[in-house]
Amino acid sequence: MNNHTPDYLDKLSRFVVEARLEDLSPTTVAAAQDVVLDTIGAILAGSRLEENANLARLAPTLSGAGHATIFGHQVGRVQPVFAALVNATAGVALELDEGSRLGGGHPSIHVTPGAIAVAEEMGASGKAALEAVIVGYEVTSRIGTGVQARAEVHSHGTWGTIGAAAATAKLLGYDAAAIRQAMNLAMSMSPANTWTPCLEGATIRNLYPGRSEFQGIMAAYLGQCGFTAVNDGPADLYASILGEGFDPEAVVAGWGENGPAGPLRIEQNYTKYHACCLYNHPVLDAALALQQREGFESEAVKRINVTAPPIVQIMANPEPANMLSAKFSIPYALAAALVGGETGAPAFFDERVGDPAVRSLAERIEISPDPDMNMRRYDYPAARVAITLNDGRTLEGSAAAHYGDSHNPRPREDLLDKFRSLAGESLGDEVTEQVISTSGRLDRLDSVRELTALLGG
């Protein structure tokens, strides 16, 4: 290991220190506020699942008094690490949280709950909270860009921890050296996760971002306690245990004198409208476009051939056991979409997973890998679909960017409607609209508590 401080970490640390909302473009600020709103919606919807409600009730008994809100539950306020743990866990449970194709994974769910919780504890302004979200998101996504993850490693949690630490350190007013220390500490605390819980439907998987938030916030405070970190945390972790290589130059590619030269990563994200793993989304878009164009019923389908990135070979089980595993089954998700026309959360509820018509069609779906397909590129399809009908016709379609990606955006009203559908049951219609309004002026709130006061359920 080199004895000098890695230059890419210097650049990230300086960016975290120096980023100010007033220096960012209006499109960046607007995108960040939409990402925060979308993430809150995913948390509120996921908070209603039984295990997440139980965790929300458990947290105050472990935490002690604090000022951070557990979204969707009137259980009392807790310490930020516990609020972030509970909220991030709930936010990933329905697979409706946003993500970054450029860096892989889901930066906001690893950054936003913690940034809001720490800001709420401090009584910080909405501007400060939003700045923390933006820099934490950038760090998370860019570290992900440099990682060549092992095939069995699930990205949830692994590079979210460093973003949570950066966001917390930003709020605490650390200088560049202390931020670099916090980020390196966080890397040595990153959860190591496999795909197995996703595929088996074990909901411990939903703790991945919650654990990441918990550890990232702790990392920012451990430096104050006197703990020291390795010199290059990301390289230490990803060039050995969790990755097959780490490219620090890729992390800061396109970096200007004062930070990223182009749009920030939070502007280049994707929003989910299908309640399942991202690898399903281009497949679903391509197939549903064919169904809409040709008007065929699911009963008319003889077989379907899906070509997608090589990782989908682990997502080919046509008989998932439960809701979570169904979200990581391309045959199930595609069959459910074509049979019932539904790809939102209800399509994956346990009572729907055993639908005989869906199972029958799922059995007739074959999955093939294309090594040139990669979710980090947009110049090549992310999925191809060939649907053979009983009348002998074969319909073919493809998708490079799913509908909701920054390269193929949906109208903003769709995002607001998504939030209403996710938050309404927890908050009621009136408060839901207040949250939309308040989050839209997050950058101007004197205290982030003006927003979180609405989120207790």
Protein backbone atom coordinates (compact mmCIF):
# COMPACT_ATOMS: atom_id res chain seq x y z
CA MET A 1 0.00 0.00 0.00
CA ASN A 2 1.29 3.47 -0.86
CA ASN A 3 2.19 5.71 2.07
CA HIS A 4 0.82 8.85 0.44
CA THR A 5 -2.82 9.78 0.58
CA PRO A 6 -4.58 8.54 -2.58
CA ASP A 7 -5.32 11.49 -4.83
CA TYR A 8 -8.85 10.35 -5.68
CA LEU A 9 -9.79 10.41 -2.00
CA ASP A 10 -8.36 13.92 -1.72
CA LYS A 11 -10.57 15.01 -4.60
CA LEU A 12 -13.69 13.43 -3.09
CA SER A 13 -12.95 14.92 0.33
CA ARG A 14 -12.45 18.42 -1.05
CA PHE A 15 -15.68 18.11 -3.03
CA VAL A 16 -17.59 17.13 0.12
CA VAL A 17 -16.15 20.13 2.00
CA GLU A 18 -16.61 22.70 -0.74
CA ALA A 19 -19.97 21.76 -2.30
CA ARG A 20 -22.53 24.48 -1.67
CA LEU A 21 -26.08 24.51 -2.90
CA GLU A 22 -25.73 28.06 -4.18
CA ASP A 23 -22.89 26.94 -6.47
CA LEU A 24 -24.86 24.05 -7.97
CA SER A 25 -27.18 24.26 -10.93
CA PRO A 26 -30.94 24.59 -10.38
CA THR A 27 -31.38 21.25 -12.16
CA THR A 28 -29.11 19.57 -9.60
CA VAL A 29 -31.07 21.02 -6.70
CA ALA A 30 -34.40 20.07 -8.27
CA ALA A 31 -33.20 16.54 -9.00
CA ALA A 32 -31.95 16.13 -5.43
CA GLN A 33 -35.26 17.26 -3.97
CA ASP A 34 -37.11 14.79 -6.19
CA VAL A 35 -34.75 12.00 -5.13
CA VAL A 36 -35.40 12.82 -1.47
CA LEU A 37 -39.17 12.79 -2.05
CA ASP A 38 -39.04 9.51 -3.96
CA THR A 39 -36.92 7.92 -1.23
CA ILE A 40 -39.30 9.06 1.49
CA GLY A 41 -42.18 7.50 -0.44
CA ALA A 42 -40.38 4.17 -0.70
CA ILE A 43 -39.67 4.27 3.04
CA LEU A 44 -43.27 5.04 4.00
CA ALA A 45 -44.64 2.23 1.84
CA GLY A 46 -42.09 -0.29 3.07
CA SER A 47 -42.63 0.75 6.67
CA ARG A 48 -46.05 -0.93 6.62
CA LEU A 49 -44.62 -4.43 6.18
CA GLU A 50 -44.90 -6.40 9.40
CA GLU A 51 -41.21 -6.95 10.06
CA ASN A 52 -40.45 -3.28 9.43
CA ALA A 53 -43.23 -2.15 11.74
CA ASN A 54 -41.84 -4.46 14.41
CA LEU A 55 -38.35 -3.05 13.89
CA ALA A 56 -39.75 0.48 14.22
CA ARG A 57 -41.26 -0.45 17.57
CA LEU A 58 -38.04 -2.12 18.72
CA ALA A 59 -35.75 0.79 17.86
CA PRO A 60 -36.77 3.15 20.69
CA THR A 61 -36.12 0.43 23.25
CA LEU A 62 -32.55 0.12 21.99
CA SER A 63 -31.80 3.73 21.19
CA GLY A 64 -32.64 5.97 24.05
CA ALA A 65 -33.89 9.50 23.53
CA GLY A 66 -33.08 11.36 20.36
CA HIS A 67 -34.56 13.77 17.83
CA ALA A 68 -34.69 11.62 14.69
CA THR A 69 -38.00 10.43 13.24
CA ILE A 70 -38.88 6.89 12.24
CA PHE A 71 -41.04 7.43 9.17
CA GLY A 72 -44.58 6.11 9.18
CA HIS A 73 -44.73 5.28 12.90
CA GLN A 74 -45.59 7.24 16.02
CA VAL A 75 -43.07 5.48 18.24
CA GLY A 76 -41.10 8.43 19.55
CA ARG A 77 -37.90 9.94 18.26
CA VAL A 78 -34.60 8.10 18.45
CA GLN A 79 -30.88 8.52 17.88
CA PRO A 80 -29.93 9.06 14.20
CA VAL A 81 -28.21 5.70 13.80
CA PHE A 82 -31.44 3.88 14.70
CA ALA A 83 -33.69 6.12 12.63
CA ALA A 84 -31.42 5.59 9.63
CA LEU A 85 -31.30 1.85 10.24
CA VAL A 86 -35.08 1.50 10.36
CA ASN A 87 -35.89 3.93 7.56
CA ALA A 88 -33.32 2.61 5.10
CA THR A 89 -34.42 -0.96 5.77
CA ALA A 90 -38.04 -0.07 5.08
CA GLY A 91 -37.11 1.92 1.99
CA VAL A 92 -35.58 -1.00 0.14
CA ALA A 93 -38.19 -3.58 1.06
CA LEU A 94 -40.51 -3.05 -1.91
CA GLU A 95 -37.73 -2.53 -4.49
CA LEU A 96 -39.06 0.91 -5.39
CA ASP A 97 -36.06 3.01 -4.34
CA GLU A 98 -34.10 4.84 -7.01
CA GLY A 99 -30.62 3.96 -8.21
CA SER A 100 -27.55 4.77 -10.27
CA ARG A 101 -26.62 2.77 -13.33
CA LEU A 102 -23.31 4.64 -13.61
CA GLY A 103 -22.16 3.51 -10.19
CA GLY A 104 -24.43 0.56 -9.64
CA GLY A 105 -26.59 0.10 -6.60
CA HIS A 106 -28.95 2.54 -4.91
CA PRO A 107 -27.14 5.60 -3.53
CA SER A 108 -30.09 7.47 -2.06
CA ILE A 109 -31.34 4.74 0.25
CA HIS A 110 -27.78 4.49 1.60
CA VAL A 111 -27.44 8.23 2.10
CA THR A 112 -30.75 10.08 2.41
CA PRO A 113 -32.19 8.41 5.56
CA GLY A 114 -28.95 9.00 7.44
CA ALA A 115 -28.49 12.56 6.21
CA ILE A 116 -32.03 13.46 7.22
CA ALA A 117 -31.68 11.76 10.61
CA VAL A 118 -28.38 13.48 11.47
CA ALA A 119 -29.67 16.84 10.22
CA GLU A 120 -32.84 16.40 12.27
CA GLU A 121 -30.83 15.56 15.38
CA MET A 122 -28.77 18.71 14.87
CA GLY A 123 -31.72 20.93 13.97
CA ALA A 124 -29.89 21.71 10.73
CA SER A 125 -31.44 23.55 7.82
CA GLY A 126 -33.03 21.90 4.82
CA LYS A 127 -30.19 23.32 2.75
CA ALA A 128 -27.59 21.58 4.90
CA ALA A 129 -29.48 18.29 4.68
CA LEU A 130 -29.77 18.57 0.91
CA GLU A 131 -26.07 19.34 0.52
CA ALA A 132 -25.28 16.24 2.58
CA VAL A 133 -27.52 14.09 0.39
CA ILE A 134 -25.92 15.42 -2.79
CA VAL A 135 -22.31 14.87 -1.72
CA GLY A 136 -23.03 11.49 -0.15
CA TYR A 137 -24.79 10.40 -3.33
CA GLU A 138 -21.85 11.53 -5.49
CA VAL A 139 -19.32 9.68 -3.33
CA THR A 140 -21.37 6.48 -3.25
CA SER A 141 -22.00 6.39 -6.99
CA ARG A 142 -18.43 7.27 -7.93
CA ILE A 143 -16.88 4.69 -5.63
CA GLY A 144 -19.23 2.15 -7.21
CA THR A 145 -17.94 3.13 -10.64
CA GLY A 146 -14.44 2.13 -9.61
CA VAL A 147 -15.45 -1.30 -8.31
CA GLN A 148 -15.28 -4.51 -10.26
CA ALA A 149 -17.41 -6.49 -7.84
CA ARG A 150 -17.20 -10.22 -7.47
CA ALA A 151 -20.12 -11.97 -9.14
CA GLU A 152 -21.51 -13.21 -5.85
CA VAL A 153 -21.37 -9.80 -4.14
CA HIS A 154 -24.57 -7.77 -3.95
CA SER A 155 -23.79 -4.05 -4.06
CA HIS A 156 -26.36 -3.08 -1.42
CA GLY A 157 -24.52 -1.70 1.56
CA THR A 158 -21.01 -2.30 0.32
CA TRP A 159 -20.25 1.11 -1.14
CA GLY A 160 -23.15 2.92 0.49
CA THR A 161 -21.31 3.10 3.79
CA ILE A 162 -18.72 5.56 2.50
CA GLY A 163 -21.48 7.86 1.21
CA ALA A 164 -23.31 7.78 4.53
CA ALA A 165 -20.05 8.71 6.26
CA ALA A 166 -19.40 11.55 3.82
CA ALA A 167 -22.91 12.95 4.27
CA THR A 168 -22.62 12.81 8.06
CA ALA A 169 -19.17 14.39 8.03
CA LYS A 170 -20.47 17.16 5.80
CA LEU A 171 -23.22 17.95 8.30
CA LEU A 172 -20.74 17.88 11.17
CA GLY A 173 -18.58 20.47 9.42
CA TYR A 174 -15.46 18.35 9.11
CA ASP A 175 -12.45 19.54 7.14
CA ALA A 176 -11.08 17.54 4.22
CA ALA A 177 -8.67 15.49 6.34
CA ALA A 178 -11.39 14.46 8.79
CA ILE A 179 -13.77 13.62 5.94
CA ARG A 180 -11.13 11.44 4.29
CA GLN A 181 -10.59 9.71 7.62
CA ALA A 182 -14.33 9.12 8.05
CA MET A 183 -14.64 7.69 4.54
CA ASN A 184 -11.71 5.32 5.06
CA LEU A 185 -13.10 4.23 8.43
CA ALA A 186 -16.43 3.55 6.75
CA MET A 187 -14.85 1.28 4.16
CA SER A 188 -13.50 -0.98 6.88
CA MET A 189 -17.04 -1.17 8.29
CA SER A 190 -18.87 -1.90 5.04
CA PRO A 191 -21.26 -4.86 5.12
CA ALA A 192 -20.32 -7.81 2.93
CA ASN A 193 -23.43 -9.17 1.26
CA THR A 194 -24.26 -11.90 -1.25
CA TRP A 195 -27.15 -12.33 -3.67
CA THR A 196 -28.42 -15.43 -1.85
CA PRO A 197 -30.97 -13.71 0.43
CA CYS A 198 -32.48 -11.93 -2.61
CA LEU A 199 -32.87 -15.16 -4.53
CA GLU A 200 -34.22 -17.14 -1.57
CA GLY A 201 -36.42 -14.26 -0.43
CA ALA A 202 -34.78 -13.92 2.99
CA THR A 203 -35.69 -10.45 4.23
CA ILE A 204 -32.43 -10.04 6.13
CA ARG A 205 -31.39 -8.69 2.75
CA ASN A 206 -33.43 -5.55 3.45
CA LEU A 207 -31.11 -4.72 6.35
CA TYR A 208 -28.22 -4.16 3.92
CA PRO A 209 -28.76 -0.41 3.44
CA GLY A 210 -29.91 -0.01 7.04
CA ARG A 211 -26.69 -1.54 8.30
CA SER A 212 -24.73 0.57 5.85
CA GLU A 213 -26.34 3.77 7.15
CA PHE A 214 -25.75 2.75 10.77
CA GLN A 215 -22.09 2.01 10.13
CA GLY A 216 -21.51 5.09 7.96
CA ILE A 217 -22.87 7.45 10.60
CA MET A 218 -20.78 5.70 13.25
CA ALA A 219 -17.67 5.99 11.09
CA ALA A 220 -18.01 9.77 11.01
CA TYR A 221 -17.99 9.86 14.81
CA LEU A 222 -15.28 7.24 15.36
CA GLY A 223 -12.59 9.61 14.12
CA GLN A 224 -13.57 11.97 16.93
CA CYS A 225 -13.04 9.09 19.33
CA GLY A 226 -9.48 8.62 18.11
CA PHE A 227 -9.90 5.58 15.87
CA THR A 228 -7.62 5.50 12.86
CA ALA A 229 -8.22 4.17 9.36
CA VAL A 230 -6.23 2.46 6.64
CA ASN A 231 -4.71 4.76 4.02
CA ASP A 232 -6.93 3.68 1.12
CA GLY A 233 -10.11 2.03 2.38
CA PRO A 234 -11.84 1.42 -0.98
CA ALA A 235 -8.77 -0.20 -2.57
CA ASP A 236 -8.18 -2.28 0.55
CA LEU A 237 -11.72 -3.68 0.39
CA TYR A 238 -12.43 -3.93 -3.33
CA ALA A 239 -9.09 -5.07 -4.65
CA SER A 240 -9.28 -8.08 -2.37
CA ILE A 241 -12.31 -9.26 -0.42
CA LEU A 242 -15.38 -7.84 -2.18
CA GLY A 243 -14.00 -7.05 -5.62
CA GLU A 244 -11.79 -8.40 -8.33
CA GLY A 245 -10.28 -4.97 -8.87
CA PHE A 246 -10.61 -1.29 -8.06
CA ASP A 247 -9.89 1.58 -10.44
CA PRO A 248 -9.36 4.87 -8.57
CA GLU A 249 -9.04 6.80 -11.83
CA ALA A 250 -12.56 5.73 -12.83
CA VAL A 251 -13.86 7.17 -9.56
CA VAL A 252 -12.83 10.69 -10.53
CA ALA A 253 -13.17 10.43 -14.31
CA GLY A 254 -14.42 13.70 -15.79
CA TRP A 255 -13.28 15.58 -12.69
CA GLY A 256 -12.66 19.29 -13.06
CA GLU A 257 -10.60 21.63 -10.95
CA ASN A 258 -13.36 22.04 -8.36
CA GLY A 259 -15.20 18.75 -8.68
CA PRO A 260 -17.20 16.83 -11.27
CA ALA A 261 -17.07 18.70 -14.58
CA GLY A 262 -20.45 17.47 -15.82
CA PRO A 263 -23.84 16.86 -14.22
CA LEU A 264 -23.69 15.36 -10.75
CA ARG A 265 -24.66 11.72 -10.35
CA ILE A 266 -27.91 12.58 -8.56
CA GLU A 267 -29.10 14.11 -11.85
CA GLN A 268 -28.19 10.94 -13.76
CA ASN A 269 -30.15 8.48 -11.66
CA TYR A 270 -33.10 6.27 -12.45
CA THR A 271 -36.52 6.13 -10.81
CA LYS A 272 -38.33 2.84 -10.37
CA TYR A 273 -41.92 2.32 -11.43
CA HIS A 274 -41.72 -1.49 -11.53
CA ALA A 275 -41.44 -2.88 -7.97
CA CYS A 276 -38.58 -5.26 -8.66
CA CYS A 277 -34.85 -5.54 -9.33
CA LEU A 278 -33.49 -3.15 -11.96
CA TYR A 279 -32.49 -6.02 -14.25
CA ASN A 280 -36.19 -6.69 -14.80
CA HIS A 281 -36.97 -3.15 -15.95
CA PRO A 282 -35.65 -3.10 -19.54
CA VAL A 283 -37.14 -6.58 -20.02
CA LEU A 284 -40.55 -5.44 -18.80
CA ASP A 285 -40.48 -2.25 -20.86
CA ALA A 286 -39.59 -4.11 -24.05
CA ALA A 287 -42.24 -6.82 -23.54
CA LEU A 288 -45.02 -4.47 -22.44
CA ALA A 289 -44.35 -2.23 -25.43
CA LEU A 290 -44.83 -5.24 -27.70
CA GLN A 291 -48.05 -6.23 -25.92
CA GLN A 292 -49.40 -2.70 -26.14
CA ARG A 293 -48.51 -2.45 -29.83
CA GLU A 294 -49.82 -5.86 -30.87
CA GLY A 295 -52.66 -6.28 -28.39
CA PHE A 296 -52.05 -9.97 -27.62
CA GLU A 297 -53.28 -11.68 -24.45
CA SER A 298 -50.98 -13.73 -22.25
CA GLU A 299 -52.87 -16.90 -23.26
CA ALA A 300 -51.65 -16.35 -26.83
CA VAL A 301 -47.98 -16.66 -25.83
CA LYS A 302 -46.22 -19.90 -26.72
CA ARG A 303 -42.81 -18.98 -25.33
CA ILE A 304 -40.59 -15.99 -24.58
CA ASN A 305 -36.86 -15.67 -25.01
CA VAL A 306 -35.15 -12.98 -22.93
CA THR A 307 -31.57 -11.86 -23.49
CA ALA A 308 -30.02 -9.73 -20.77
CA PRO A 309 -26.71 -9.09 -18.94
CA PRO A 310 -24.96 -12.27 -17.70
CA ILE A 311 -25.92 -11.70 -14.06
CA VAL A 312 -29.55 -12.50 -14.93
CA GLN A 313 -28.67 -16.18 -15.04
CA ILE A 314 -29.12 -16.17 -11.26
CA MET A 315 -32.54 -14.52 -11.68
CA ALA A 316 -34.10 -17.23 -13.87
CA ASN A 317 -36.17 -19.12 -11.29
CA PRO A 318 -39.78 -19.32 -12.59
CA GLU A 319 -41.14 -20.44 -9.20
CA PRO A 320 -40.02 -17.89 -6.58
CA ALA A 321 -41.04 -18.70 -3.03
CA ASN A 322 -42.28 -15.32 -1.84
CA MET A 323 -42.51 -11.59 -2.48
CA LEU A 324 -38.82 -10.77 -2.21
CA SER A 325 -37.58 -13.65 -4.33
CA ALA A 326 -40.24 -12.83 -6.95
CA LYS A 327 -38.68 -9.38 -7.32
CA PHE A 328 -35.46 -11.10 -8.37
CA SER A 329 -37.09 -13.50 -10.83
CA ILE A 330 -37.23 -12.26 -14.41
CA PRO A 331 -39.64 -15.03 -15.50
CA TYR A 332 -42.04 -14.22 -12.67
CA ALA A 333 -41.93 -10.45 -13.12
CA LEU A 334 -42.44 -10.71 -16.88
CA ALA A 335 -45.23 -13.26 -16.60
CA ALA A 336 -47.02 -11.22 -13.92
CA ALA A 337 -46.81 -8.14 -16.14
CA LEU A 338 -48.22 -9.86 -19.21
CA VAL A 339 -50.93 -11.77 -17.34
CA GLY A 340 -52.21 -9.05 -15.05
CA GLY A 341 -50.82 -5.83 -16.46
CA GLU A 342 -49.41 -5.00 -13.03
CA THR A 343 -45.78 -4.31 -12.14
CA GLY A 344 -46.23 -2.27 -8.97
CA ALA A 345 -45.93 -3.58 -5.43
CA PRO A 346 -49.21 -5.60 -5.47
CA ALA A 347 -47.95 -7.78 -8.34
CA PHE A 348 -45.32 -9.23 -6.00
CA PHE A 349 -47.33 -9.71 -2.80
CA ASP A 350 -47.11 -13.21 -1.38
CA GLU A 351 -50.74 -13.98 -2.23
CA ARG A 352 -50.03 -13.26 -5.91
CA VAL A 353 -46.80 -15.19 -6.25
CA GLY A 354 -48.52 -18.55 -6.64
CA ASP A 355 -50.99 -17.43 -9.34
CA PRO A 356 -51.34 -20.48 -11.67
CA ALA A 357 -51.60 -18.39 -14.84
CA VAL A 358 -48.46 -16.47 -13.94
CA ARG A 359 -46.56 -19.64 -13.02
CA SER A 360 -47.62 -21.30 -16.27
CA LEU A 361 -46.30 -18.45 -18.40
CA ALA A 362 -43.15 -18.08 -16.30
CA GLU A 363 -42.28 -21.70 -17.10
CA ARG A 364 -42.25 -20.81 -20.79
CA ILE A 365 -39.72 -18.00 -20.42
CA GLU A 366 -36.08 -18.73 -21.23
CA ILE A 367 -33.21 -16.49 -20.12
CA SER A 368 -29.99 -16.10 -22.12
CA PRO A 369 -26.93 -13.97 -21.29
CA ASP A 370 -25.28 -11.47 -23.60
CA PRO A 371 -21.77 -10.60 -22.34
CA ASP A 372 -21.90 -7.26 -24.16
CA MET A 373 -24.91 -6.13 -22.14
CA ASN A 374 -24.03 -4.01 -19.15
CA MET A 375 -26.21 -1.71 -17.09
CA ARG A 376 -23.43 0.88 -17.02
CA ARG A 377 -23.65 1.51 -20.76
CA TYR A 378 -26.39 3.12 -22.81
CA ASP A 379 -25.02 2.54 -26.30
CA TYR A 380 -26.24 -1.05 -26.41
CA PRO A 381 -29.49 -2.75 -25.37
CA ALA A 382 -29.89 -3.73 -21.73
CA ALA A 383 -32.44 -6.38 -22.75
CA ARG A 384 -33.92 -8.06 -25.81
CA VAL A 385 -37.22 -9.89 -25.82
CA ALA A 386 -38.59 -12.32 -28.43
CA ILE A 387 -42.22 -13.34 -27.85
CA THR A 388 -43.45 -16.27 -29.93
CA LEU A 389 -47.24 -16.48 -30.20
CA ASN A 390 -49.39 -19.52 -30.78
CA ASP A 391 -50.21 -18.27 -34.27
CA GLY A 392 -46.56 -18.63 -35.26
CA ARG A 393 -45.56 -14.97 -35.13
CA THR A 394 -42.46 -13.89 -33.21
CA LEU A 395 -42.42 -10.34 -31.91
CA GLU A 396 -39.08 -8.80 -31.05
CA GLY A 397 -38.19 -5.73 -29.03
CA SER A 398 -35.37 -4.25 -26.97
CA ALA A 399 -34.66 -1.51 -24.44
CA ALA A 400 -31.45 0.30 -23.55
CA ALA A 401 -32.76 2.66 -20.86
CA HIS A 402 -35.93 1.80 -18.99
CA TYR A 403 -38.77 4.29 -18.72
CA GLY A 404 -37.83 6.28 -15.64
CA ASP A 405 -34.09 6.42 -16.29
CA SER A 406 -32.54 9.85 -16.75
CA HIS A 407 -31.85 8.79 -20.35
CA ASN A 408 -35.55 7.98 -20.81
CA PRO A 409 -37.38 10.13 -18.25
CA ARG A 410 -41.02 10.04 -17.33
CA PRO A 411 -42.98 13.25 -16.65
CA ARG A 412 -42.43 14.63 -13.16
CA GLU A 413 -46.14 14.24 -12.46
CA ASP A 414 -45.58 10.47 -12.63
CA LEU A 415 -43.06 10.74 -9.81
CA LEU A 416 -45.53 12.75 -7.74
CA ASP A 417 -48.29 10.22 -8.44
CA LYS A 418 -45.93 7.44 -7.40
CA PHE A 419 -45.26 9.27 -4.13
CA ARG A 420 -48.98 9.74 -3.50
CA SER A 421 -49.63 6.04 -4.05
CA LEU A 422 -46.80 5.03 -1.70
CA ALA A 423 -47.31 7.58 1.07
CA GLY A 424 -51.07 8.03 1.16
CA GLU A 425 -51.89 5.05 3.36
CA SER A 426 -49.36 6.11 5.99
CA LEU A 427 -49.94 9.86 5.96
CA GLY A 428 -53.40 10.47 4.51
CA ASP A 429 -54.05 12.61 1.46
CA GLU A 430 -53.74 16.02 3.11
CA VAL A 431 -50.38 15.39 4.80
CA THR A 432 -49.10 13.65 1.66
CA GLU A 433 -49.65 16.86 -0.29
CA GLN A 434 -47.98 18.85 2.48
CA VAL A 435 -44.92 16.61 2.22
CA ILE A 436 -44.78 17.15 -1.54
CA SER A 437 -44.95 20.90 -1.04
CA THR A 438 -42.45 20.99 1.82
CA SER A 439 -39.90 18.76 0.12
CA GLY A 440 -40.12 21.02 -2.93
CA ARG A 441 -38.70 23.87 -0.87
CA LEU A 442 -36.30 21.76 1.17
CA ASP A 443 -33.46 24.04 0.13
CA ARG A 444 -35.23 26.96 1.82
CA LEU A 445 -36.37 25.34 5.08
CA ASP A 446 -34.91 26.90 8.21
CA SER A 447 -34.93 23.44 9.76
CA VAL A 448 -35.28 19.99 8.22
CA ARG A 449 -37.64 19.29 11.13
CA GLU A 450 -40.33 21.18 9.20
CA LEU A 451 -40.32 18.20 6.82
CA THR A 452 -39.77 15.37 9.28
CA ALA A 453 -42.59 16.63 11.53
CA LEU A 454 -44.93 15.45 8.78
CA LEU A 455 -43.48 11.97 8.42
CA GLY A 456 -44.29 10.21 11.69
CA GLY A 457 -47.45 8.58 10.35
